[in-house]
C-alpha cells in the first residue's frame, strides 16, 4: 500500500525537513519552506518496474573489482560533430544528460534536429511538455528533416510517459523540459524543487536499469544557474550549458560536467534558417575582415576547451569627460582589465587614470583564458597611441603584476592555428622557449619577456 505523508521542502535549494523552519539550515534563506505531500510507493514494485524492458539485466550483487572485465563503452555517434565533441565521442548508453540554457537560445531546435538525424533503426522518442505536435512538426519542416523512427509525445505526467516508453521501447529519449513534468508521487505544482528532483530521479532509474540514454532539457534562472535543486546536477552524468548572445548568430555548447569525457570541451554553432550548423573553423568567423588598418584592434591566440581559437580584441581609449573614468567591458573580466591598466600605469608610465577605457571581445563570446592578456594590452596601447597594429600579427601571453610576459600552455597548438589562418608573426613569452625547442613553424615566432619590450617592438 502507498503511504502519504507531508514533508517540508526549501524552494531555493531543495533541503527536506519534517517540520517547518524559518531559516533553511542548508542555504540560509528565510521563509522558503513549503509543505508538500509525498506518496511513498512500495519498494518492491519500484524495483521491478523495468524488469522485462530489455535483456540481459544487470545483477545487483556484490562483485570483486578484479573480476570485472574492462570493455570499451560502445557509444552511439550522432551526425553532429560538435555534439560528439562535447559528449566525449558520442552518446553513452544509459547516460543521463542535462542541457540548460536561456529561453530562445535554440535548445529545442538543436536536439530536435539531432533526433531527426539519427538513422540506422534508432528509435527516438521526443517528449515535449511545452509545445504541441503541430508546433514541433512545423519546426521539423523548417529544418527540412524526416525520420520514420522519430516519435512525438506531448505529455507532462511521468506516469503516462513511462507507459508509452514501455510500449515503444525507444533507443533514445529527449525530454523538453524537465521543469514542465510532474509525478503523481508528489502533490505539488510542476517546476517546484521536489517535483524536479523526483522526476529526474525517475528518469535516472529508467536510464540506468534499461541502458537507454536520456537527454533532459532544462531552464535557467535569472542569475544564470540551472533551475531546480543543486542535486539535479549531481544526479545526471553530463551537464551541458548552451550559451550565447541572442543578438549574434553564434552559440556555444559548453561541458560543465562529464563522467564519460573531458569537461574542457566546447562546441560552436551558428543559428541559420535551417537550424543549428556546427562551425568547423570558428577562428575565421571571429576575426573581422577589414579593408583598412584601424587602431585598438589585436588578435589573441587562445584555447577554448581543447581547440585553439583566434579571437579579435577591440579597445577604445578616450579622454575622460566626467570626473571618474569609465571602464566598460564586454566578454571579458572587468577586474582583469583593471589589473592590466594598473600594470601599464606602474610599469610603462601611461596615464590611463585620466582615460575612459572600453573593451570588447568581437563575436559575442566570453573568454577566460589568461593568454589573452598580451593581446588586450597591445590593443589598449594601440588605441592610446592611435597607431594601428600590423594586420598579420597575433599574440599569446599572460601578463604578470611586475610587467613580465608569462608563459602559457599548449603554445605549439596556438602557433599552428595562427599559421593555418595565414598570420605572418606571433608574439609569445620568452619563457615558452623550452616548450618550442626543436619545432619548426612557417610563421615568425617573436619572444618577449617584458611589457616594455612589446611597446618598443610595436610602437
Foldseek 3Di string as FASTA:
>chain_A
DKDKDKWKAFQPAGDIDRDDDQADPPPGDGPRIDIKIFIDDDPVCLVCVCVPQDDDWDDPDDDDPVVDDDDDFDADAWPAPQVCFQQARHHGFLFEEEEEEAPPLAPVLVVLVRLLRDAPLAAEEEEEQDDDPVVSVVSCVLLVGHDPRYYYHHDAEVVVVVVVCSVSVGQEYEYHALQRHAYPRMGDHRNGQVRSVVSLVSVSVVRNRSRHYYYHYFYADPVGHTRYHPVSVVSGQWYWYWDFDPVFQKIKIATPHHPNHDRQGIWMWGQDSNTTDTDPAVQVVQDDDDPDFWALKAWAFFDRRHAIHIHIKGKAKAFDPDDFAAQAEAQEDSVLVVLLVLLCCVVVVDPSRRIHMYIYTGPGHHDDTQQCSVRNSRSVVRNVVRPGFDPQEHEGFHADNNFWTHADPPVVNSLVSSVVVPRAEYEHAPVCCVVCPPDDDNHHYHHDTGPVVVVVVTD
